[in-house]
Each structure stands twice: as C-alpha cells, then as structure tokens.
Protein backbone atom coordinates (compact mmCIF):
# COMPACT_ATOMS: atom_id res chain seq x y z
CA MET A 1 -74.09 26.63 13.54
CA PHE A 2 -77.01 28.68 14.75
CA ASN A 3 -80.13 26.84 15.87
CA SER A 4 -83.30 27.53 17.82
CA THR A 5 -81.35 27.97 21.06
CA ASN A 6 -78.37 30.08 19.99
CA PHE A 7 -79.72 32.23 17.17
CA PRO A 8 -78.26 35.75 17.48
CA LYS A 9 -80.08 38.41 19.46
CA PRO A 10 -81.73 40.97 17.17
CA THR A 11 -81.44 44.72 16.98
CA LEU A 12 -84.38 46.98 16.14
CA ILE A 13 -83.27 49.46 13.48
CA SER A 14 -85.34 52.45 12.33
CA VAL A 15 -85.38 52.71 8.53
CA ASN A 16 -87.75 54.10 5.91
CA GLY A 17 -90.46 54.96 8.44
CA VAL A 18 -90.53 51.51 10.09
CA GLU A 19 -88.49 49.45 12.53
CA LEU A 20 -86.85 46.28 11.29
CA GLU A 21 -85.77 43.44 13.54
CA VAL A 22 -82.28 42.62 12.26
CA PHE A 23 -80.00 39.68 13.02
CA GLU A 24 -76.28 39.76 12.23
CA ALA A 25 -73.20 37.59 12.00
CA GLY A 26 -69.63 38.57 11.11
CA ARG A 27 -69.85 42.20 12.19
CA GLU A 28 -66.06 42.19 12.23
CA ASN A 29 -66.18 41.76 8.45
CA ALA A 30 -67.29 45.33 7.85
CA GLY A 31 -67.06 46.24 4.19
CA LYS A 32 -68.35 42.95 2.76
CA PRO A 33 -72.11 43.07 3.35
CA ILE A 34 -74.48 40.34 2.29
CA VAL A 35 -78.19 40.74 3.02
CA LEU A 36 -80.42 37.66 3.30
CA CYS A 37 -84.13 38.16 2.56
CA HIS A 38 -86.68 35.59 3.71
CA GLY A 39 -89.90 34.57 1.99
CA TRP A 40 -93.46 33.72 3.09
CA PRO A 41 -94.39 32.60 5.65
CA GLU A 42 -90.84 32.68 6.88
CA HIS A 43 -88.57 34.56 9.24
CA ALA A 44 -84.92 35.60 9.44
CA PHE A 45 -84.46 32.27 11.25
CA SER A 46 -84.81 30.52 7.89
CA TRP A 47 -81.19 31.58 7.14
CA ARG A 48 -79.74 30.08 10.33
CA HIS A 49 -77.72 27.49 8.36
CA GLN A 50 -76.14 30.13 6.11
CA MET A 51 -75.19 32.87 8.56
CA ASP A 52 -72.15 31.22 10.19
CA ALA A 53 -70.85 29.89 6.87
CA LEU A 54 -71.02 33.29 5.20
CA ALA A 55 -69.49 35.04 8.22
CA ALA A 56 -66.64 32.50 8.24
CA ALA A 57 -66.06 33.32 4.56
CA GLY A 58 -65.52 36.97 5.45
CA TYR A 59 -68.96 38.51 5.02
CA HIS A 60 -70.93 40.86 7.22
CA VAL A 61 -74.21 38.96 7.24
CA ILE A 62 -77.34 41.09 7.68
CA VAL A 63 -80.67 39.29 8.03
CA PRO A 64 -83.78 41.41 8.55
CA ASN A 65 -87.26 40.34 9.42
CA GLN A 66 -88.90 42.41 6.74
CA ARG A 67 -91.93 44.59 7.43
CA GLY A 68 -94.90 42.51 8.52
CA TYR A 69 -92.76 39.78 10.08
CA GLY A 70 -91.45 38.94 13.54
CA ASN A 71 -91.00 42.00 15.71
CA SER A 72 -90.58 44.34 12.76
CA SER A 73 -93.21 47.00 12.13
CA ARG A 74 -96.58 45.93 10.76
CA PRO A 75 -98.18 48.93 9.03
CA THR A 76 -101.95 48.76 8.70
CA GLU A 77 -102.22 50.11 5.14
CA VAL A 78 -102.07 47.38 2.51
CA THR A 79 -100.19 49.62 0.07
CA ASP A 80 -97.38 50.03 2.61
CA TYR A 81 -96.22 46.55 1.53
CA ASP A 82 -95.62 47.28 -2.16
CA ILE A 83 -92.25 46.77 -3.84
CA GLU A 84 -91.31 50.44 -3.44
CA HIS A 85 -91.66 50.16 0.33
CA LEU A 86 -90.05 46.72 0.62
CA SER A 87 -87.06 47.65 -1.54
CA GLY A 88 -86.87 51.04 0.16
CA ASP A 89 -86.44 49.30 3.51
CA LEU A 90 -83.41 47.44 2.18
CA VAL A 91 -81.86 50.56 0.66
CA ALA A 92 -82.35 52.37 3.97
CA LEU A 93 -80.79 49.41 5.78
CA LEU A 94 -77.66 49.80 3.63
CA ASP A 95 -77.64 53.51 4.46
CA HIS A 96 -77.87 52.69 8.16
CA TYR A 97 -74.70 50.59 7.95
CA GLY A 98 -72.95 53.02 5.62
CA TYR A 99 -72.78 50.64 2.65
CA GLU A 100 -73.05 51.86 -0.93
CA ASP A 101 -74.06 48.43 -2.16
CA ALA A 102 -74.28 44.79 -1.11
CA THR A 103 -74.88 41.27 -2.32
CA PHE A 104 -78.53 40.38 -1.84
CA VAL A 105 -79.86 36.87 -1.34
CA GLY A 106 -83.55 36.05 -1.49
CA HIS A 107 -85.76 33.00 -1.13
CA ASP A 108 -89.38 32.75 -2.30
CA TRP A 109 -90.99 36.19 -1.77
CA GLY A 110 -87.59 37.43 -0.65
CA ALA A 111 -86.36 36.60 -4.14
CA PHE A 112 -89.17 38.69 -5.63
CA VAL A 113 -88.09 41.59 -3.43
CA VAL A 114 -84.45 41.18 -4.46
CA TRP A 115 -85.40 41.11 -8.16
CA GLY A 116 -87.49 44.26 -7.64
CA LEU A 117 -84.79 45.97 -5.59
CA THR A 118 -82.26 45.29 -8.33
CA LEU A 119 -84.59 46.79 -10.96
CA LEU A 120 -85.52 49.86 -8.91
CA HIS A 121 -82.13 50.52 -7.26
CA PRO A 122 -79.51 48.83 -9.47
CA ASN A 123 -76.62 50.85 -8.03
CA ARG A 124 -77.23 49.40 -4.55
CA VAL A 125 -76.94 45.74 -5.63
CA ASN A 126 -73.58 44.31 -6.69
CA LYS A 127 -74.57 40.63 -6.95
CA VAL A 128 -77.81 38.65 -6.78
CA ILE A 129 -78.40 35.17 -5.36
CA ASN A 130 -81.98 33.94 -5.49
CA LEU A 131 -83.54 30.65 -4.46
CA SER A 132 -86.76 29.07 -5.76
CA LEU A 133 -88.43 32.06 -7.42
CA PRO A 134 -86.87 33.05 -10.74
CA TYR A 135 -87.21 36.45 -12.36
CA GLN A 136 -90.90 37.12 -13.05
CA GLU A 137 -91.71 38.62 -16.44
CA ARG A 138 -94.35 41.36 -16.29
CA GLY A 139 -96.38 40.09 -19.22
CA GLU A 140 -99.32 41.96 -20.73
CA LYS A 141 -101.73 41.57 -17.81
CA PRO A 142 -101.33 42.30 -14.09
CA TRP A 143 -100.15 39.19 -12.27
CA ILE A 144 -103.24 38.45 -10.15
CA GLU A 145 -105.58 38.98 -13.09
CA PHE A 146 -103.47 36.59 -15.17
CA MET A 147 -103.30 33.96 -12.40
CA GLU A 148 -107.05 34.11 -11.87
CA GLU A 149 -107.66 33.39 -15.54
CA ILE A 150 -105.23 30.48 -15.65
CA LEU A 151 -105.40 28.98 -12.14
CA GLY A 152 -108.81 30.06 -10.83
CA GLY A 153 -110.04 31.74 -7.68
CA ASN A 154 -108.86 29.04 -5.28
CA PHE A 155 -105.21 29.54 -6.15
CA TYR A 156 -103.81 31.11 -3.02
CA PHE A 157 -102.38 34.23 -4.68
CA VAL A 158 -105.86 34.98 -6.05
CA HIS A 159 -107.69 33.92 -2.89
CA PHE A 160 -105.58 36.28 -0.76
CA ASN A 161 -106.56 39.19 -3.02
CA ARG A 162 -110.20 38.41 -3.75
CA GLN A 163 -111.18 37.34 -0.23
CA PRO A 164 -109.20 39.68 2.05
CA GLY A 165 -108.96 38.63 5.66
CA VAL A 166 -110.31 35.10 5.21
CA ALA A 167 -107.01 33.24 4.98
CA ASP A 168 -105.44 35.52 7.59
CA ALA A 169 -108.01 34.45 10.17
CA VAL A 170 -107.77 30.74 9.32
CA PHE A 171 -103.97 30.76 9.62
CA GLU A 172 -104.10 32.66 12.90
CA ASP A 173 -106.62 30.19 14.34
CA ASN A 174 -104.48 27.20 13.28
CA THR A 175 -100.93 28.52 13.21
CA TYR A 176 -99.16 25.37 14.36
CA ARG A 177 -101.07 23.05 12.05
CA PHE A 178 -100.70 25.32 9.03
CA LEU A 179 -96.95 25.80 9.40
CA ARG A 180 -96.36 22.13 10.21
CA ASN A 181 -98.15 21.10 7.02
CA LEU A 182 -96.49 23.77 4.89
CA TYR A 183 -92.91 23.08 5.98
CA ARG A 184 -92.67 19.63 4.45
CA LYS A 185 -90.56 18.05 1.76
CA ASN A 186 -93.24 16.69 -0.54
CA GLU A 187 -94.81 19.46 -2.62
CA PRO A 188 -95.40 21.79 0.33
CA LEU A 189 -97.49 24.31 -1.60
CA ARG A 190 -100.06 21.73 -2.73
CA ALA A 191 -103.32 21.53 -0.79
CA PRO A 192 -104.61 18.13 0.41
CA GLU A 193 -106.93 17.80 -2.60
CA PRO A 194 -106.61 19.29 -6.11
CA GLY A 195 -108.47 22.56 -6.48
CA MET A 196 -108.61 23.31 -2.77
CA ALA A 197 -107.23 26.58 -1.46
CA LEU A 198 -103.95 26.65 0.44
CA ILE A 199 -105.87 27.56 3.59
CA ASN A 200 -106.96 23.91 3.80
CA LEU A 201 -103.44 23.05 4.94
CA ALA A 202 -104.48 24.63 8.22
CA ASN A 203 -107.36 22.18 8.53
CA ALA A 204 -105.44 18.97 7.82
CA GLU A 205 -105.09 17.23 11.20
CA THR A 206 -102.73 14.49 10.03
CA PRO A 207 -99.22 15.66 9.03
CA LEU A 208 -99.07 15.69 5.25
CA GLY A 209 -95.51 14.59 4.67
CA GLU A 210 -91.92 14.49 5.85
CA PRO A 211 -91.15 17.66 7.82
CA VAL A 212 -88.33 20.03 6.96
CA LEU A 213 -88.17 21.47 10.48
CA SER A 214 -87.63 19.87 13.87
CA GLU A 215 -90.26 20.59 16.49
CA SER A 216 -87.98 23.13 18.17
CA GLU A 217 -87.34 24.87 14.85
CA LEU A 218 -91.03 24.86 13.99
CA ALA A 219 -91.72 26.40 17.40
CA VAL A 220 -89.68 29.48 16.40
CA TYR A 221 -91.97 30.10 13.43
CA VAL A 222 -95.15 29.34 15.34
CA SER A 223 -94.20 31.74 18.13
CA ALA A 224 -93.30 34.48 15.64
CA PHE A 225 -96.58 34.24 13.74
CA GLU A 226 -98.67 33.89 16.87
CA THR A 227 -97.20 37.27 17.82
CA SER A 228 -97.33 39.02 14.45
CA GLY A 229 -100.36 37.41 12.86
CA PHE A 230 -100.42 36.84 9.10
CA SER A 231 -102.04 39.94 7.63
CA GLY A 232 -98.85 41.97 7.24
CA SER A 233 -97.08 39.17 5.38
CA ILE A 234 -100.11 38.35 3.21
CA ASN A 235 -100.33 42.03 2.28
CA TRP A 236 -97.23 41.43 0.17
CA TYR A 237 -99.47 39.32 -2.11
CA ARG A 238 -102.14 42.00 -2.12
CA ASN A 239 -99.70 44.38 -3.81
CA LEU A 240 -98.75 42.16 -6.74
CA ASP A 241 -100.83 44.04 -9.29
CA ARG A 242 -99.68 47.35 -7.81
CA ASN A 243 -96.09 46.11 -8.21
CA TRP A 244 -96.84 45.20 -11.83
CA HIS A 245 -97.68 48.86 -12.46
CA ILE A 246 -94.72 50.19 -10.42
CA LEU A 247 -92.26 48.14 -12.48
CA ALA A 248 -93.71 49.22 -15.81
CA GLU A 249 -91.22 52.00 -16.43
CA VAL A 250 -87.97 50.38 -15.30
CA ASN A 251 -85.40 48.68 -17.48
CA PRO A 252 -86.38 45.00 -17.14
CA ILE A 253 -82.88 43.62 -17.71
CA ILE A 254 -80.78 42.69 -14.66
CA GLN A 255 -77.09 43.03 -15.48
CA GLN A 256 -75.63 42.05 -12.09
CA PRO A 257 -73.89 38.68 -11.78
CA THR A 258 -76.59 36.32 -10.56
CA LEU A 259 -76.84 32.85 -9.07
CA MET A 260 -80.23 31.13 -9.38
CA ILE A 261 -80.77 28.05 -7.19
CA TYR A 262 -83.74 25.80 -7.94
CA GLY A 263 -85.16 22.83 -6.08
CA ASP A 264 -85.96 20.11 -8.58
CA ARG A 265 -89.06 19.08 -6.59
CA ASP A 266 -90.22 22.65 -5.97
CA MET A 267 -93.69 23.40 -7.30
CA VAL A 268 -92.54 26.89 -8.25
CA ALA A 269 -91.88 26.68 -11.98
CA LYS A 270 -88.41 27.23 -13.37
CA SER A 271 -88.04 30.08 -15.84
CA GLU A 272 -87.78 29.25 -19.53
CA ASN A 273 -86.56 32.76 -20.35
CA LEU A 274 -84.24 33.52 -17.45
CA THR A 275 -81.21 34.43 -19.56
CA LYS A 276 -83.34 36.83 -21.62
CA PHE A 277 -83.83 39.04 -18.57
CA VAL A 278 -80.83 37.99 -16.45
CA PRO A 279 -78.01 37.48 -18.98
CA ASN A 280 -75.23 37.04 -16.40
CA VAL A 281 -76.85 34.16 -14.54
CA GLU A 282 -75.56 30.79 -13.41
CA VAL A 283 -78.15 28.14 -12.53
CA VAL A 284 -77.79 25.42 -9.87
CA ASN A 285 -80.35 22.67 -9.35
CA LEU A 286 -80.63 20.80 -6.05
CA ASP A 287 -82.63 17.66 -5.31
CA CYS A 288 -85.15 19.17 -2.91
CA GLY A 289 -88.46 20.93 -2.60
CA HIS A 290 -89.34 24.56 -1.95
CA TRP A 291 -87.54 25.24 1.35
CA ILE A 292 -84.16 24.93 -0.32
CA GLN A 293 -81.73 26.46 2.19
CA GLU A 294 -83.39 24.61 5.08
CA GLU A 295 -83.87 21.24 3.40
CA LYS A 296 -80.40 21.22 1.80
CA PRO A 297 -78.32 23.60 3.95
CA GLU A 298 -74.88 22.17 3.19
CA GLU A 299 -75.51 21.92 -0.54
CA SER A 300 -76.94 25.44 -0.58
CA ASN A 301 -73.94 26.81 1.29
CA GLN A 302 -71.51 25.05 -1.02
CA ALA A 303 -73.23 26.43 -4.12
CA ILE A 304 -73.38 29.97 -2.72
CA LEU A 305 -69.81 30.06 -1.40
CA ARG A 306 -68.35 28.51 -4.55
CA TRP A 307 -70.13 31.04 -6.75
CA LEU A 308 -69.14 33.98 -4.54
CA GLU A 309 -65.52 32.86 -4.58
CA GLN A 310 -65.61 32.64 -8.37
CA GLN A 311 -67.13 36.11 -8.64
CA ASN A 312 -64.60 37.62 -6.26
CA SER A 313 -61.72 36.17 -8.29
CA ILE A 314 -62.87 37.78 -11.53
C-alpha cells in the first residue's frame, strides 16, 4: 500500500491550457480507466489507500492534483477555477490517455466536480462514485447567496467569497496548525466555538480531536500547501455562484450508475432527494467523519470494489 514514503512519482501533463501533476497505478491495465478526484484542502495523496487496491482489481488508476493544487498549474484569474475549466481538465486528461470515457470517483469538492463533469460531459463518464458530498440541487437562488441567508457571513463558503484573501493569508501563515486541526475525526469542519469562521481552526493551538493522519502523512499535505498556497484551491469556492449559472441549461438528471458513500458522522448533510436527480444510485453509509477514504480505507475499498464488480457483471 502506498504511503508517505513510496507514493508514486508524478508526471506533469499538459491539458486544457494548464499542467496537471498526475499520479498513476496499474498502467498495465490500459482500457479500464478510473479517475480519482480529491477535495479541499486535499491532494492526490488522499487516495493512497485506494490506488493499489483498484490497480490490483484491474483498473488503470489516474489521480490528478487538480488545478490550484500541488505542483499543478495555479492560474491567477478566479474564473479559471469554474466548473467548465475543472471538468474540462478531466475531459482533456481522458483525451491525453486516449480514453473515450472513464469511471470517476470524487470526494468533497472532487465530488462536486464529478457531478458537474457528468452533467456537462455525460458521454465521458460511464460510472460515478462519490464520497461525502451528494448531488447538489441548484435551487432558486445562487448557492452563496442562499448560504449567506441561512448560515450567515461567518460560514466558510460565504466568508471565502465575501472577504477574498483573508482566509488565504491566515491558512498560509498557519498551514501546519490549520491542517492538523482540520484532519480530525470529530466533526472536522466545525470551528472551536459556534458561529466562528473556519479560519479559527488555524488559530487553535491545542489539537482539537483525534487525528486522521499520522505526522508523516500530515507532512505531505503541509509541504504541498506551503508550496502552492491556498488561493488557487479556495478559488473553487469563489466560483460557486458562477457554476450555478453555468449549470442552468443542462439536464439535471444523472443517469449513470452511481455509488454514494456517506460518513455517518460527517457534517456534510445527506441528500433527501438523491434518487430524484440520481435515479440509478446505491447508497453506502460508513461509521466515520468527513475524510471517509482516509479514516476508513478498508471499508471504503470494500464498498467501491464490491459495487464495481456488481456493475461489471450486469
């Protein structure tokens, strides 16, 4: 199993006007691509427990650091991180390898990208596996506007948009502390006190709960974000309302076979209307928090491999 010392060496691949840092396993399994898409503030390394297992099951495992992360390109324009660009990167990555379509797996923001990719480019996605973040209905109001009304200006999605640059600087000044306090098992997205912005995790000197990562694993993330900074990744949030408009004209129903994996202690809410928009979905619940594939790697692998085997036998 890959870890902080033997994680595969990356390749820089030019796609869609940027360079993506891409990690692979199972290259010998050409013809069965599966693309793993990380969330925020994550890294391709977050899939280290899944790569070997999927390669052993016969898949060509492709794991990009998406734009804004790791050693991938970090465009300066905020709008270069909208769903058209992020999904376009993945389509271009398939073109690079010569694949018509692939199975896409996403966690957290990566799940949002996979949902959006499937809506915008349905012919390039044959199956969907998403963790934590269910399909997000558009609703009648743009997402940030709606969140601000319901959750207030301190909610981190809103804060990132209404106070640009503030959180970026705090995280960059306290990268180790922020990531240590975020990657924990007990409600990792909750700030130390109700109503406080997520940036206060960077100011909490005492560890806030049981860690998900070992110190050597945490060091991989800290090193990556000390190099890249946080602005590129936070710019994904700053395009949420733009994405709301981009997705206005697409068919909102996802027909692809889909596996949705929830953590029962995840603060991200489960969808009450998932089957309305994703009719061919199977749901799995695991006893864990937000960082599902890292906190429960074996259980995650079992659920994914079992479902894939079922789909391939149909």
